[in-house]
Amino acid sequence: MSCIKENTLRQQSQTLFFFGSLMDPDVLEIVLGRPIDQTLLLPGILNGYRCEREAKESYPVLTPYPDGKANILVAHNLSEIDVDRILFYETGEYDLIPFIVHQGLNKLEAFGFATGEGIQTSRDTWHLNVWQKTDKVDFLPLAQRFMAGYGKMTIPQALIYWDQLVEEFDDLQSRENKPKAVI
């Protein structure tokens, strides 16, 4: 994302939308580092897109799809610190850009994370409820450890740290004869 867009976004109370793990209240609280006000989070629709599972992981990728209607969560009045923490969590793998989203009968501009270059999808639709049943329990401790690094490392360092956390998790799973993480 360009520094100008990022700085503009951080200087204002902004509306963002989420289409993946940040739709889960437990994950969002870990990322923000505080309890969330559920009244500032409302369901919405992003027309012309759908969420597909990343090819090798369990997280979603927002992809253009002519007749698509991606279910999203619109977050209003996020603080500068909230946005900064979310940007850290997303580690630069996505581009934060404005979209027009539908919230009830209203249309509004909200920033969302579009797929960055080089991210491939499985073409399978990603569903929050499936992710919550299959991957959330393993993901939460990783997210907590990762977000503990907020403010202590750069985004490139965070990417390396995340890979280390997943590798440690996979090693532990293999010692316990469990399947590897697809987080």
N, C-alpha and C. Protein backbone atom coordinates (compact mmCIF):
# COMPACT_ATOMS: atom_id res chain seq x y z
N MET A 1 0.85 -1.16 0.00
CA MET A 1 0.00 0.00 0.00
C MET A 1 0.89 1.23 0.00
N SER A 2 0.45 2.26 -0.66
CA SER A 2 1.25 3.47 -0.71
C SER A 2 1.26 4.14 0.66
N CYS A 3 2.36 4.82 0.96
CA CYS A 3 2.48 5.52 2.24
C CYS A 3 1.41 6.59 2.37
N ILE A 4 1.04 7.25 1.27
CA ILE A 4 0.02 8.30 1.34
C ILE A 4 -1.31 7.70 1.77
N LYS A 5 -1.73 6.61 1.13
CA LYS A 5 -3.00 5.97 1.51
C LYS A 5 -2.95 5.51 2.95
N GLU A 6 -1.86 4.87 3.34
CA GLU A 6 -1.73 4.35 4.69
C GLU A 6 -1.79 5.48 5.71
N ASN A 7 -1.06 6.57 5.45
CA ASN A 7 -1.06 7.70 6.38
C ASN A 7 -2.42 8.35 6.46
N THR A 8 -3.11 8.51 5.31
CA THR A 8 -4.45 9.10 5.31
C THR A 8 -5.38 8.23 6.13
N LEU A 9 -5.31 6.92 5.93
CA LEU A 9 -6.17 6.00 6.65
C LEU A 9 -5.91 6.07 8.14
N ARG A 10 -4.67 6.16 8.53
CA ARG A 10 -4.32 6.16 9.95
C ARG A 10 -4.70 7.48 10.63
N GLN A 11 -4.79 8.57 9.87
CA GLN A 11 -5.06 9.87 10.47
C GLN A 11 -6.55 10.10 10.72
N GLN A 12 -7.41 9.26 10.19
CA GLN A 12 -8.84 9.45 10.31
C GLN A 12 -9.46 8.24 10.99
N SER A 13 -10.64 8.46 11.57
CA SER A 13 -11.42 7.34 12.05
C SER A 13 -12.03 6.70 10.80
N GLN A 14 -11.71 5.46 10.54
CA GLN A 14 -12.06 4.86 9.27
C GLN A 14 -13.02 3.70 9.39
N THR A 15 -13.65 3.42 8.26
CA THR A 15 -14.49 2.25 8.12
C THR A 15 -13.73 1.23 7.28
N LEU A 16 -13.55 0.06 7.84
CA LEU A 16 -12.92 -1.05 7.14
C LEU A 16 -13.94 -2.18 7.05
N PHE A 17 -13.70 -3.12 6.15
CA PHE A 17 -14.50 -4.33 6.16
C PHE A 17 -13.57 -5.53 6.17
N PHE A 18 -14.07 -6.60 6.76
CA PHE A 18 -13.31 -7.83 6.90
C PHE A 18 -14.07 -8.95 6.21
N PHE A 19 -13.34 -9.89 5.63
CA PHE A 19 -13.97 -11.02 4.96
C PHE A 19 -13.38 -12.35 5.41
N GLY A 20 -12.49 -12.36 6.36
CA GLY A 20 -11.83 -13.59 6.77
C GLY A 20 -11.83 -13.76 8.27
N SER A 21 -10.68 -14.15 8.81
CA SER A 21 -10.58 -14.46 10.23
C SER A 21 -10.91 -13.26 11.12
N LEU A 22 -10.75 -12.04 10.61
CA LEU A 22 -11.08 -10.86 11.41
C LEU A 22 -12.59 -10.72 11.64
N MET A 23 -13.40 -11.51 10.95
CA MET A 23 -14.84 -11.54 11.20
C MET A 23 -15.14 -12.28 12.50
N ASP A 24 -14.18 -13.06 12.97
CA ASP A 24 -14.36 -13.81 14.22
C ASP A 24 -14.05 -12.88 15.39
N PRO A 25 -14.98 -12.72 16.34
CA PRO A 25 -14.77 -11.77 17.45
C PRO A 25 -13.52 -12.06 18.28
N ASP A 26 -13.19 -13.34 18.50
CA ASP A 26 -12.01 -13.67 19.30
C ASP A 26 -10.73 -13.23 18.59
N VAL A 27 -10.67 -13.47 17.29
CA VAL A 27 -9.50 -13.07 16.51
C VAL A 27 -9.39 -11.55 16.49
N LEU A 28 -10.50 -10.86 16.25
CA LEU A 28 -10.47 -9.40 16.20
C LEU A 28 -10.01 -8.80 17.53
N GLU A 29 -10.45 -9.37 18.63
CA GLU A 29 -10.00 -8.87 19.94
C GLU A 29 -8.50 -9.09 20.14
N ILE A 30 -7.99 -10.22 19.70
CA ILE A 30 -6.54 -10.46 19.78
C ILE A 30 -5.79 -9.43 18.95
N VAL A 31 -6.26 -9.20 17.73
CA VAL A 31 -5.58 -8.28 16.83
C VAL A 31 -5.64 -6.85 17.37
N LEU A 32 -6.79 -6.42 17.84
CA LEU A 32 -6.92 -5.05 18.35
C LEU A 32 -6.30 -4.88 19.73
N GLY A 33 -6.11 -5.98 20.44
CA GLY A 33 -5.52 -5.91 21.77
C GLY A 33 -6.47 -5.34 22.81
N ARG A 34 -7.76 -5.46 22.54
CA ARG A 34 -8.77 -4.92 23.46
C ARG A 34 -10.12 -5.54 23.15
N PRO A 35 -11.06 -5.44 24.10
CA PRO A 35 -12.43 -5.90 23.80
C PRO A 35 -13.02 -5.04 22.68
N ILE A 36 -13.90 -5.65 21.91
CA ILE A 36 -14.52 -4.91 20.80
C ILE A 36 -15.95 -4.52 21.15
N ASP A 37 -16.36 -3.40 20.59
CA ASP A 37 -17.74 -2.93 20.73
C ASP A 37 -18.52 -3.52 19.55
N GLN A 38 -19.31 -4.54 19.81
CA GLN A 38 -20.04 -5.24 18.75
C GLN A 38 -20.99 -4.33 17.98
N THR A 39 -21.41 -3.21 18.58
CA THR A 39 -22.33 -2.31 17.88
C THR A 39 -21.65 -1.58 16.73
N LEU A 40 -20.31 -1.58 16.69
CA LEU A 40 -19.58 -0.94 15.60
C LEU A 40 -19.27 -1.91 14.47
N LEU A 41 -19.72 -3.16 14.61
CA LEU A 41 -19.48 -4.20 13.62
C LEU A 41 -20.82 -4.66 13.05
N LEU A 42 -21.00 -4.45 11.75
CA LEU A 42 -22.27 -4.79 11.13
C LEU A 42 -22.05 -5.62 9.87
N PRO A 43 -22.96 -6.57 9.61
CA PRO A 43 -22.81 -7.39 8.40
C PRO A 43 -23.03 -6.56 7.14
N GLY A 44 -22.37 -6.98 6.08
CA GLY A 44 -22.53 -6.31 4.80
C GLY A 44 -22.27 -7.29 3.65
N ILE A 45 -22.39 -6.75 2.45
CA ILE A 45 -22.17 -7.54 1.23
C ILE A 45 -21.24 -6.76 0.31
N LEU A 46 -20.33 -7.47 -0.31
CA LEU A 46 -19.48 -6.90 -1.34
C LEU A 46 -19.85 -7.59 -2.64
N ASN A 47 -20.54 -6.86 -3.52
CA ASN A 47 -20.97 -7.43 -4.80
C ASN A 47 -19.80 -7.55 -5.76
N GLY A 48 -19.86 -8.59 -6.59
CA GLY A 48 -18.85 -8.79 -7.62
C GLY A 48 -17.60 -9.49 -7.13
N TYR A 49 -17.65 -10.05 -5.92
CA TYR A 49 -16.50 -10.75 -5.35
C TYR A 49 -16.98 -11.99 -4.61
N ARG A 50 -16.03 -12.87 -4.36
CA ARG A 50 -16.29 -13.98 -3.45
C ARG A 50 -14.99 -14.29 -2.70
N CYS A 51 -15.12 -15.02 -1.62
CA CYS A 51 -13.96 -15.40 -0.81
C CYS A 51 -13.59 -16.84 -1.17
N GLU A 52 -12.35 -17.00 -1.60
CA GLU A 52 -11.84 -18.33 -1.92
C GLU A 52 -10.70 -18.65 -0.97
N ARG A 53 -10.55 -19.94 -0.69
CA ARG A 53 -9.47 -20.37 0.19
C ARG A 53 -8.14 -20.26 -0.54
N GLU A 54 -7.13 -19.74 0.15
CA GLU A 54 -5.78 -19.65 -0.41
C GLU A 54 -5.32 -21.08 -0.71
N ALA A 55 -4.52 -21.24 -1.74
CA ALA A 55 -4.16 -22.57 -2.25
C ALA A 55 -3.51 -23.49 -1.21
N LYS A 56 -2.65 -22.96 -0.35
CA LYS A 56 -1.90 -23.82 0.58
C LYS A 56 -2.22 -23.55 2.04
N GLU A 57 -3.10 -22.60 2.30
CA GLU A 57 -3.40 -22.21 3.68
C GLU A 57 -4.90 -22.29 3.93
N SER A 58 -5.33 -21.87 5.12
CA SER A 58 -6.76 -21.92 5.42
C SER A 58 -7.39 -20.53 5.41
N TYR A 59 -6.63 -19.51 5.05
CA TYR A 59 -7.20 -18.17 5.08
C TYR A 59 -7.83 -17.83 3.73
N PRO A 60 -8.74 -16.83 3.71
CA PRO A 60 -9.43 -16.50 2.47
C PRO A 60 -8.72 -15.44 1.64
N VAL A 61 -9.07 -15.44 0.38
CA VAL A 61 -8.59 -14.45 -0.58
C VAL A 61 -9.84 -13.88 -1.26
N LEU A 62 -9.92 -12.58 -1.36
CA LEU A 62 -11.04 -11.93 -2.02
C LEU A 62 -10.76 -11.92 -3.52
N THR A 63 -11.64 -12.55 -4.30
CA THR A 63 -11.41 -12.63 -5.74
C THR A 63 -12.61 -12.07 -6.50
N PRO A 64 -12.34 -11.37 -7.60
CA PRO A 64 -13.45 -10.88 -8.43
C PRO A 64 -14.26 -12.07 -8.97
N TYR A 65 -15.56 -11.93 -8.94
CA TYR A 65 -16.46 -12.97 -9.41
C TYR A 65 -17.74 -12.26 -9.84
N PRO A 66 -18.04 -12.23 -11.14
CA PRO A 66 -19.10 -11.36 -11.66
C PRO A 66 -20.43 -11.40 -10.90
N ASP A 67 -20.93 -12.58 -10.58
CA ASP A 67 -22.21 -12.67 -9.87
C ASP A 67 -22.02 -12.89 -8.37
N GLY A 68 -20.81 -12.69 -7.88
CA GLY A 68 -20.51 -12.98 -6.49
C GLY A 68 -21.09 -11.98 -5.51
N LYS A 69 -21.31 -12.47 -4.31
CA LYS A 69 -21.74 -11.64 -3.18
C LYS A 69 -20.99 -12.13 -1.96
N ALA A 70 -19.91 -11.47 -1.64
CA ALA A 70 -19.10 -11.87 -0.48
C ALA A 70 -19.71 -11.32 0.79
N ASN A 71 -19.92 -12.19 1.77
CA ASN A 71 -20.38 -11.74 3.09
C ASN A 71 -19.20 -11.11 3.81
N ILE A 72 -19.42 -9.93 4.35
CA ILE A 72 -18.35 -9.19 5.01
C ILE A 72 -18.84 -8.67 6.35
N LEU A 73 -17.91 -8.16 7.13
CA LEU A 73 -18.22 -7.49 8.38
C LEU A 73 -17.65 -6.09 8.28
N VAL A 74 -18.52 -5.09 8.42
CA VAL A 74 -18.11 -3.69 8.31
C VAL A 74 -17.82 -3.16 9.71
N ALA A 75 -16.63 -2.60 9.88
CA ALA A 75 -16.19 -2.07 11.18
C ALA A 75 -16.11 -0.55 11.07
N HIS A 76 -16.92 0.11 11.87
CA HIS A 76 -16.97 1.58 11.85
C HIS A 76 -16.11 2.17 12.97
N ASN A 77 -15.61 3.38 12.72
CA ASN A 77 -14.92 4.19 13.73
C ASN A 77 -13.71 3.52 14.36
N LEU A 78 -12.90 2.91 13.54
CA LEU A 78 -11.66 2.33 14.04
C LEU A 78 -10.65 3.44 14.32
N SER A 79 -9.91 3.29 15.39
CA SER A 79 -8.90 4.29 15.74
C SER A 79 -7.63 4.08 14.92
N GLU A 80 -6.74 5.04 15.00
CA GLU A 80 -5.45 4.94 14.32
C GLU A 80 -4.68 3.71 14.81
N ILE A 81 -4.73 3.46 16.09
CA ILE A 81 -4.03 2.29 16.65
C ILE A 81 -4.68 1.00 16.16
N ASP A 82 -6.02 0.97 16.10
CA ASP A 82 -6.71 -0.21 15.58
C ASP A 82 -6.24 -0.53 14.17
N VAL A 83 -6.22 0.50 13.32
CA VAL A 83 -5.82 0.31 11.93
C VAL A 83 -4.36 -0.14 11.86
N ASP A 84 -3.50 0.44 12.67
CA ASP A 84 -2.09 0.07 12.68
C ASP A 84 -1.92 -1.40 13.08
N ARG A 85 -2.67 -1.85 14.06
CA ARG A 85 -2.59 -3.24 14.51
C ARG A 85 -3.11 -4.19 13.42
N ILE A 86 -4.18 -3.78 12.73
CA ILE A 86 -4.72 -4.59 11.64
C ILE A 86 -3.73 -4.68 10.50
N LEU A 87 -3.08 -3.56 10.17
CA LEU A 87 -2.06 -3.57 9.12
C LEU A 87 -0.91 -4.52 9.48
N PHE A 88 -0.51 -4.52 10.75
CA PHE A 88 0.53 -5.45 11.20
C PHE A 88 0.06 -6.89 11.02
N TYR A 89 -1.15 -7.18 11.45
CA TYR A 89 -1.72 -8.53 11.35
C TYR A 89 -1.74 -9.02 9.92
N GLU A 90 -2.08 -8.16 8.99
CA GLU A 90 -2.18 -8.56 7.59
C GLU A 90 -0.80 -8.65 6.91
N THR A 91 0.23 -8.16 7.53
CA THR A 91 1.65 -8.31 7.14
C THR A 91 1.98 -7.97 5.69
N GLY A 92 1.22 -7.11 5.08
CA GLY A 92 1.56 -6.69 3.73
C GLY A 92 1.21 -7.68 2.64
N GLU A 93 0.56 -8.78 2.99
CA GLU A 93 0.18 -9.76 1.96
C GLU A 93 -1.02 -9.30 1.15
N TYR A 94 -1.68 -8.28 1.62
CA TYR A 94 -2.84 -7.73 0.93
C TYR A 94 -2.61 -6.24 0.72
N ASP A 95 -3.36 -5.68 -0.25
CA ASP A 95 -3.35 -4.23 -0.47
C ASP A 95 -4.63 -3.66 0.12
N LEU A 96 -4.53 -2.63 0.92
CA LEU A 96 -5.69 -1.99 1.52
C LEU A 96 -6.20 -0.92 0.57
N ILE A 97 -7.40 -1.15 0.01
CA ILE A 97 -7.96 -0.22 -0.96
C ILE A 97 -9.44 0.02 -0.66
N PRO A 98 -9.99 1.13 -1.18
CA PRO A 98 -11.41 1.41 -0.95
C PRO A 98 -12.30 0.57 -1.88
N PHE A 99 -13.42 0.14 -1.36
CA PHE A 99 -14.45 -0.58 -2.09
C PHE A 99 -15.78 0.07 -1.77
N ILE A 100 -16.77 -0.15 -2.61
CA ILE A 100 -18.15 0.21 -2.29
C ILE A 100 -18.82 -1.05 -1.76
N VAL A 101 -19.33 -0.99 -0.54
CA VAL A 101 -19.97 -2.14 0.08
C VAL A 101 -21.43 -1.81 0.36
N HIS A 102 -22.21 -2.85 0.54
CA HIS A 102 -23.63 -2.69 0.85
C HIS A 102 -23.85 -3.11 2.30
N GLN A 103 -24.51 -2.22 3.02
CA GLN A 103 -24.86 -2.51 4.41
C GLN A 103 -26.36 -2.23 4.51
N GLY A 104 -27.14 -3.30 4.51
CA GLY A 104 -28.59 -3.13 4.43
C GLY A 104 -28.94 -2.50 3.10
N LEU A 105 -29.70 -1.42 3.13
CA LEU A 105 -30.08 -0.71 1.91
C LEU A 105 -29.08 0.36 1.53
N ASN A 106 -28.07 0.57 2.35
CA ASN A 106 -27.10 1.65 2.13
C ASN A 106 -25.85 1.15 1.42
N LYS A 107 -25.26 2.03 0.61
CA LYS A 107 -23.95 1.80 0.01
C LYS A 107 -22.98 2.74 0.71
N LEU A 108 -21.79 2.26 0.98
CA LEU A 108 -20.79 3.12 1.59
C LEU A 108 -19.40 2.70 1.16
N GLU A 109 -18.46 3.63 1.27
CA GLU A 109 -17.07 3.31 0.96
C GLU A 109 -16.42 2.78 2.22
N ALA A 110 -15.75 1.65 2.08
CA ALA A 110 -15.01 1.06 3.19
C ALA A 110 -13.72 0.48 2.62
N PHE A 111 -12.68 0.54 3.41
CA PHE A 111 -11.40 -0.03 2.99
C PHE A 111 -11.38 -1.53 3.30
N GLY A 112 -10.82 -2.28 2.37
CA GLY A 112 -10.70 -3.71 2.55
C GLY A 112 -9.38 -4.19 1.98
N PHE A 113 -9.01 -5.39 2.35
CA PHE A 113 -7.73 -5.96 1.94
C PHE A 113 -7.93 -6.79 0.67
N ALA A 114 -7.44 -6.26 -0.44
CA ALA A 114 -7.49 -6.96 -1.72
C ALA A 114 -6.27 -7.86 -1.84
N THR A 115 -6.41 -8.89 -2.62
CA THR A 115 -5.35 -9.85 -2.81
C THR A 115 -4.12 -9.20 -3.41
N GLY A 116 -2.99 -9.43 -2.78
CA GLY A 116 -1.71 -8.96 -3.31
C GLY A 116 -1.24 -9.88 -4.42
N GLU A 117 -0.16 -9.49 -5.04
CA GLU A 117 0.39 -10.29 -6.14
C GLU A 117 0.93 -11.62 -5.63
N GLY A 118 0.78 -12.64 -6.46
CA GLY A 118 1.39 -13.94 -6.17
C GLY A 118 0.59 -14.83 -5.25
N ILE A 119 -0.58 -14.40 -4.79
CA ILE A 119 -1.39 -15.27 -3.93
C ILE A 119 -2.34 -16.07 -4.81
N GLN A 120 -2.24 -17.38 -4.73
CA GLN A 120 -3.08 -18.28 -5.52
C GLN A 120 -4.20 -18.82 -4.65
N THR A 121 -5.35 -19.10 -5.28
CA THR A 121 -6.46 -19.67 -4.54
C THR A 121 -6.69 -21.12 -4.95
N SER A 122 -7.42 -21.81 -4.11
CA SER A 122 -7.81 -23.19 -4.40
C SER A 122 -9.05 -23.23 -5.28
N ARG A 123 -9.70 -22.12 -5.45
CA ARG A 123 -10.99 -21.96 -6.15
C ARG A 123 -12.16 -22.45 -5.30
N ASP A 124 -11.88 -22.96 -4.09
CA ASP A 124 -12.94 -23.36 -3.17
C ASP A 124 -13.42 -22.13 -2.41
N THR A 125 -14.72 -22.04 -2.21
CA THR A 125 -15.28 -20.94 -1.44
C THR A 125 -14.87 -21.10 0.02
N TRP A 126 -14.45 -19.99 0.64
CA TRP A 126 -14.06 -19.98 2.05
C TRP A 126 -15.27 -19.56 2.87
N HIS A 127 -15.53 -20.30 3.96
CA HIS A 127 -16.66 -19.99 4.84
C HIS A 127 -16.16 -19.83 6.27
N LEU A 128 -16.54 -18.74 6.91
CA LEU A 128 -16.12 -18.48 8.28
C LEU A 128 -16.51 -19.61 9.21
N ASN A 129 -17.75 -20.09 9.13
CA ASN A 129 -18.19 -21.14 10.07
C ASN A 129 -17.38 -22.42 9.92
N VAL A 130 -16.96 -22.75 8.71
CA VAL A 130 -16.12 -23.94 8.50
C VAL A 130 -14.75 -23.70 9.13
N TRP A 131 -14.15 -22.53 8.87
CA TRP A 131 -12.85 -22.19 9.45
C TRP A 131 -12.92 -22.24 10.98
N GLN A 132 -14.00 -21.73 11.56
CA GLN A 132 -14.13 -21.72 13.01
C GLN A 132 -14.17 -23.14 13.57
N LYS A 133 -14.78 -24.06 12.86
CA LYS A 133 -14.86 -25.45 13.33
C LYS A 133 -13.57 -26.22 13.12
N THR A 134 -12.83 -25.90 12.05
CA THR A 134 -11.68 -26.72 11.69
C THR A 134 -10.33 -26.13 12.08
N ASP A 135 -10.19 -24.80 12.08
CA ASP A 135 -8.87 -24.20 12.23
C ASP A 135 -8.73 -23.20 13.37
N LYS A 136 -9.82 -22.68 13.85
CA LYS A 136 -9.76 -21.59 14.84
C LYS A 136 -9.01 -22.00 16.11
N VAL A 137 -9.29 -23.16 16.64
CA VAL A 137 -8.68 -23.56 17.91
C VAL A 137 -7.16 -23.59 17.81
N ASP A 138 -6.63 -23.99 16.67
CA ASP A 138 -5.18 -24.00 16.48
C ASP A 138 -4.64 -22.62 16.15
N PHE A 139 -5.47 -21.80 15.52
CA PHE A 139 -5.03 -20.48 15.08
C PHE A 139 -4.90 -19.48 16.23
N LEU A 140 -5.81 -19.50 17.20
CA LEU A 140 -5.81 -18.48 18.25
C LEU A 140 -4.48 -18.34 19.00
N PRO A 141 -3.85 -19.45 19.44
CA PRO A 141 -2.56 -19.28 20.13
C PRO A 141 -1.48 -18.69 19.22
N LEU A 142 -1.51 -19.06 17.94
CA LEU A 142 -0.54 -18.48 17.00
C LEU A 142 -0.78 -16.98 16.84
N ALA A 143 -2.06 -16.60 16.73
CA ALA A 143 -2.39 -15.18 16.59
C ALA A 143 -1.96 -14.39 17.83
N GLN A 144 -2.17 -14.97 19.00
CA GLN A 144 -1.75 -14.29 20.25
C GLN A 144 -0.25 -14.08 20.27
N ARG A 145 0.49 -15.12 19.94
CA ARG A 145 1.96 -14.99 19.93
C ARG A 145 2.41 -13.99 18.88
N PHE A 146 1.78 -14.04 17.71
CA PHE A 146 2.15 -13.13 16.63
C PHE A 146 1.88 -11.68 17.03
N MET A 147 0.70 -11.41 17.54
CA MET A 147 0.35 -10.03 17.89
C MET A 147 1.15 -9.52 19.08
N ALA A 148 1.74 -10.40 19.86
CA ALA A 148 2.64 -9.96 20.93
C ALA A 148 3.86 -9.27 20.35
N GLY A 149 4.12 -9.49 19.06
CA GLY A 149 5.24 -8.83 18.39
C GLY A 149 4.90 -7.46 17.83
N TYR A 150 3.63 -7.05 17.95
CA TYR A 150 3.22 -5.74 17.44
C TYR A 150 4.02 -4.63 18.13
N GLY A 151 4.53 -3.72 17.33
CA GLY A 151 5.31 -2.60 17.86
C GLY A 151 6.76 -2.94 18.15
N LYS A 152 7.12 -4.19 17.96
CA LYS A 152 8.48 -4.65 18.26
C LYS A 152 9.25 -5.07 17.02
N MET A 153 8.56 -5.12 15.87
CA MET A 153 9.22 -5.58 14.65
C MET A 153 8.60 -4.92 13.43
N THR A 154 9.34 -4.94 12.35
CA THR A 154 8.86 -4.42 11.08
C THR A 154 7.97 -5.47 10.40
N ILE A 155 7.28 -5.07 9.35
CA ILE A 155 6.45 -6.02 8.60
C ILE A 155 7.30 -7.15 8.01
N PRO A 156 8.45 -6.87 7.38
CA PRO A 156 9.26 -8.00 6.89
C PRO A 156 9.69 -8.95 8.03
N GLN A 157 10.01 -8.40 9.18
CA GLN A 157 10.36 -9.25 10.32
C GLN A 157 9.13 -10.05 10.77
N ALA A 158 7.96 -9.43 10.73
CA ALA A 158 6.73 -10.10 11.13
C ALA A 158 6.42 -11.28 10.21
N LEU A 159 6.67 -11.12 8.93
CA LEU A 159 6.45 -12.23 7.99
C LEU A 159 7.34 -13.41 8.34
N ILE A 160 8.58 -13.15 8.64
CA ILE A 160 9.51 -14.21 9.04
C ILE A 160 9.07 -14.84 10.35
N TYR A 161 8.65 -14.00 11.30
CA TYR A 161 8.19 -14.49 12.60
C TYR A 161 6.96 -15.39 12.43
N TRP A 162 6.01 -14.98 11.58
CA TRP A 162 4.82 -15.81 11.36
C TRP A 162 5.22 -17.18 10.81
N ASP A 163 6.13 -17.20 9.83
CA ASP A 163 6.58 -18.47 9.27
C ASP A 163 7.23 -19.35 10.35
N GLN A 164 7.98 -18.72 11.26
CA GLN A 164 8.60 -19.48 12.36
C GLN A 164 7.54 -20.06 13.29
N LEU A 165 6.51 -19.27 13.59
CA LEU A 165 5.43 -19.76 14.46
C LEU A 165 4.72 -20.95 13.83
N VAL A 166 4.42 -20.86 12.54
CA VAL A 166 3.74 -21.96 11.85
C VAL A 166 4.65 -23.19 11.81
N GLU A 167 5.95 -22.99 11.58
CA GLU A 167 6.88 -24.13 11.56
C GLU A 167 6.94 -24.80 12.94
N GLU A 168 7.01 -24.01 14.01
CA GLU A 168 6.99 -24.57 15.36
C GLU A 168 5.71 -25.36 15.60
N PHE A 169 4.59 -24.80 15.17
CA PHE A 169 3.31 -25.46 15.34
C PHE A 169 3.29 -26.78 14.58
N ASP A 170 3.77 -26.76 13.32
CA ASP A 170 3.81 -27.98 12.52
C ASP A 170 4.71 -29.04 13.15
N ASP A 171 5.86 -28.62 13.69
CA ASP A 171 6.75 -29.56 14.36
C ASP A 171 6.06 -30.21 15.56
N LEU A 172 5.37 -29.41 16.36
CA LEU A 172 4.64 -29.93 17.50
C LEU A 172 3.55 -30.90 17.04
N GLN A 173 2.83 -30.54 16.00
CA GLN A 173 1.77 -31.40 15.49
C GLN A 173 2.34 -32.73 14.99
N SER A 174 3.49 -32.69 14.32
CA SER A 174 4.06 -33.93 13.79
C SER A 174 4.54 -34.83 14.94
N ARG A 175 5.05 -34.23 16.02
CA ARG A 175 5.45 -35.05 17.19
C ARG A 175 4.24 -35.69 17.84
N GLU A 176 3.08 -35.03 17.72
CA GLU A 176 1.86 -35.58 18.29
C GLU A 176 1.05 -36.36 17.24
N ASN A 177 1.67 -36.56 16.05
CA ASN A 177 1.02 -37.29 14.94
C ASN A 177 -0.30 -36.66 14.51
N LYS A 178 -0.32 -35.34 14.47
CA LYS A 178 -1.49 -34.62 13.99
C LYS A 178 -1.18 -34.02 12.64
N PRO A 179 -2.19 -33.71 11.84
CA PRO A 179 -1.92 -33.10 10.53
C PRO A 179 -1.28 -31.72 10.67
N LYS A 180 -0.49 -31.33 9.65
CA LYS A 180 0.18 -30.03 9.66
C LYS A 180 -0.84 -28.90 9.55
N ALA A 181 -0.41 -27.73 10.00
CA ALA A 181 -1.27 -26.56 9.95
C ALA A 181 -1.52 -26.14 8.52
N VAL A 182 -2.73 -25.74 8.27
CA VAL A 182 -3.07 -25.11 7.00
C VAL A 182 -3.61 -23.71 7.30
N ILE A 183 -2.96 -23.07 8.23
CA ILE A 183 -3.42 -21.79 8.76
C ILE A 183 -2.99 -20.65 7.89
